[in-house]
């Protein structure tokens, strides 16, 4: 059984989300409904053909990745604060 064929535009957008926006390969693959192996293959092909983030693109991608990571850390911290307050209230 043969897999689904994706358009070049679809592949380009998936690659863009990983390289320029700093999203993780597995996250993008899940969101788009493709296998992570396919997306890794598309990235490998794109890099071979010379599509690499340079200068500003690399900085933007790193900045986006760090912002996402910071947002997640803040959310986790807030959840832990609420849990600590709840357990302090219950035990005290």
C-alpha atoms as a PDB file:
ATOM      1  CA  UNK A   1       0.000   0.000   0.000  1.00  0.00           C
ATOM      2  CA  UNK A   2       1.404   3.351  -1.050  1.00  0.00           C
ATOM      3  CA  UNK A   3       1.386   6.382   1.258  1.00  0.00           C
ATOM      4  CA  UNK A   4      -0.289   9.704   0.656  1.00  0.00           C
ATOM      5  CA  UNK A   5       1.343  12.135  -1.771  1.00  0.00           C
ATOM      6  CA  UNK A   6       1.754  15.684  -0.529  1.00  0.00           C
ATOM      7  CA  UNK A   7       2.087  18.797  -2.655  1.00  0.00           C
ATOM      8  CA  UNK A   8       5.320  20.757  -2.811  1.00  0.00           C
ATOM      9  CA  UNK A   9       3.558  23.691  -1.130  1.00  0.00           C
ATOM     10  CA  UNK A  10       2.462  21.483   1.763  1.00  0.00           C
ATOM     11  CA  UNK A  11       5.997  20.168   2.231  1.00  0.00           C
ATOM     12  CA  UNK A  12       7.463  23.693   1.995  1.00  0.00           C
ATOM     13  CA  UNK A  13       5.094  24.972   4.685  1.00  0.00           C
ATOM     14  CA  UNK A  14       5.937  22.047   6.972  1.00  0.00           C
ATOM     15  CA  UNK A  15       9.666  22.676   6.503  1.00  0.00           C
ATOM     16  CA  UNK A  16       9.147  26.393   7.097  1.00  0.00           C
ATOM     17  CA  UNK A  17       7.438  25.694  10.420  1.00  0.00           C
ATOM     18  CA  UNK A  18      10.449  23.713  11.573  1.00  0.00           C
ATOM     19  CA  UNK A  19      13.281  25.849  10.210  1.00  0.00           C
ATOM     20  CA  UNK A  20      11.931  29.387  10.456  1.00  0.00           C
ATOM     21  CA  UNK A  21       9.403  29.237  13.256  1.00  0.00           C
ATOM     22  CA  UNK A  22      11.399  26.894  15.458  1.00  0.00           C
ATOM     23  CA  UNK A  23       8.703  24.289  16.061  1.00  0.00           C
ATOM     24  CA  UNK A  24       9.755  20.719  16.772  1.00  0.00           C
ATOM     25  CA  UNK A  25       9.612  18.153  13.991  1.00  0.00           C
ATOM     26  CA  UNK A  26       7.406  15.765  15.956  1.00  0.00           C
ATOM     27  CA  UNK A  27       4.997  18.577  16.936  1.00  0.00           C
ATOM     28  CA  UNK A  28       4.659  19.802  13.351  1.00  0.00           C
ATOM     29  CA  UNK A  29       4.209  16.262  12.051  1.00  0.00           C
ATOM     30  CA  UNK A  30       1.425  15.556  14.560  1.00  0.00           C
ATOM     31  CA  UNK A  31      -0.308  18.864  13.811  1.00  0.00           C
ATOM     32  CA  UNK A  32      -0.218  18.277  10.068  1.00  0.00           C
ATOM     33  CA  UNK A  33      -1.088  14.596  10.253  1.00  0.00           C
ATOM     34  CA  UNK A  34       2.079  13.272   8.638  1.00  0.00           C
ATOM     35  CA  UNK A  35       4.650  10.876  10.015  1.00  0.00           C
ATOM     36  CA  UNK A  36       7.713  12.379  11.619  1.00  0.00           C
ATOM     37  CA  UNK A  37       9.867  10.144   9.386  1.00  0.00           C
ATOM     38  CA  UNK A  38       8.371  11.820   6.319  1.00  0.00           C
ATOM     39  CA  UNK A  39       9.027  15.281   7.707  1.00  0.00           C
ATOM     40  CA  UNK A  40      12.615  14.374   8.596  1.00  0.00           C
ATOM     41  CA  UNK A  41      13.057  13.148   5.019  1.00  0.00           C
ATOM     42  CA  UNK A  42      11.652  16.401   3.607  1.00  0.00           C
ATOM     43  CA  UNK A  43      14.039  18.367   5.834  1.00  0.00           C
ATOM     44  CA  UNK A  44      16.980  16.256   4.690  1.00  0.00           C
ATOM     45  CA  UNK A  45      16.078  16.879   1.040  1.00  0.00           C
ATOM     46  CA  UNK A  46      15.638  20.604   1.671  1.00  0.00           C
ATOM     47  CA  UNK A  47      19.037  20.853   3.337  1.00  0.00           C
ATOM     48  CA  UNK A  48      20.694  18.972   0.478  1.00  0.00           C
ATOM     49  CA  UNK A  49      19.170  21.394  -1.993  1.00  0.00           C
ATOM     50  CA  UNK A  50      20.612  24.325  -0.066  1.00  0.00           C
ATOM     51  CA  UNK A  51      17.634  25.458   2.007  1.00  0.00           C
ATOM     52  CA  UNK A  52      19.271  26.387   5.272  1.00  0.00           C
ATOM     53  CA  UNK A  53      18.381  29.187   7.650  1.00  0.00           C
ATOM     54  CA  UNK A  54      21.036  31.873   7.442  1.00  0.00           C
ATOM     55  CA  UNK A  55      21.714  34.914   9.581  1.00  0.00           C
ATOM     56  CA  UNK A  56      18.403  36.530  10.436  1.00  0.00           C
ATOM     57  CA  UNK A  57      16.400  33.390   9.660  1.00  0.00           C
ATOM     58  CA  UNK A  58      18.449  31.352  12.114  1.00  0.00           C
ATOM     59  CA  UNK A  59      18.097  34.026  14.776  1.00  0.00           C
ATOM     60  CA  UNK A  60      14.346  34.264  14.238  1.00  0.00           C
ATOM     61  CA  UNK A  61      13.991  30.496  14.452  1.00  0.00           C
ATOM     62  CA  UNK A  62      16.038  30.339  17.652  1.00  0.00           C
ATOM     63  CA  UNK A  63      14.093  33.267  19.109  1.00  0.00           C
ATOM     64  CA  UNK A  64      10.761  31.609  18.312  1.00  0.00           C
ATOM     65  CA  UNK A  65      11.934  28.325  19.824  1.00  0.00           C
ATOM     66  CA  UNK A  66      13.088  30.055  22.993  1.00  0.00           C
ATOM     67  CA  UNK A  67       9.829  32.008  23.305  1.00  0.00           C
ATOM     68  CA  UNK A  68       7.864  28.774  23.003  1.00  0.00           C
ATOM     69  CA  UNK A  69      10.074  27.098  25.582  1.00  0.00           C
ATOM     70  CA  UNK A  70       9.720  30.066  27.959  1.00  0.00           C
ATOM     71  CA  UNK A  71       5.939  30.092  27.585  1.00  0.00           C
ATOM     72  CA  UNK A  72       5.789  26.399  28.434  1.00  0.00           C
ATOM     73  CA  UNK A  73       8.086  26.834  31.451  1.00  0.00           C
ATOM     74  CA  UNK A  74       5.936  29.696  32.749  1.00  0.00           C
ATOM     75  CA  UNK A  75       2.776  27.601  32.360  1.00  0.00           C
ATOM     76  CA  UNK A  76       4.396  24.702  34.201  1.00  0.00           C
ATOM     77  CA  UNK A  77       5.576  27.024  36.974  1.00  0.00           C
ATOM     78  CA  UNK A  78       2.075  28.463  37.391  1.00  0.00           C
ATOM     79  CA  UNK A  79       0.563  24.972  37.600  1.00  0.00           C
ATOM     80  CA  UNK A  80       3.096  23.990  40.261  1.00  0.00           C
ATOM     81  CA  UNK A  81       2.364  27.179  42.233  1.00  0.00           C
ATOM     82  CA  UNK A  82      -1.357  26.408  42.217  1.00  0.00           C
ATOM     83  CA  UNK A  83      -0.737  22.792  43.226  1.00  0.00           C
ATOM     84  CA  UNK A  84       1.556  23.839  46.083  1.00  0.00           C
ATOM     85  CA  UNK A  85      -1.017  26.346  47.346  1.00  0.00           C
ATOM     86  CA  UNK A  86      -3.768  23.717  47.161  1.00  0.00           C
ATOM     87  CA  UNK A  87      -1.796  21.100  49.078  1.00  0.00           C
ATOM     88  CA  UNK A  88      -0.691  23.652  51.681  1.00  0.00           C
ATOM     89  CA  UNK A  89      -4.329  24.612  52.181  1.00  0.00           C
ATOM     90  CA  UNK A  90      -5.486  20.979  52.430  1.00  0.00           C
ATOM     91  CA  UNK A  91      -2.767  19.870  54.859  1.00  0.00           C
ATOM     92  CA  UNK A  92      -2.870  22.994  57.001  1.00  0.00           C
END
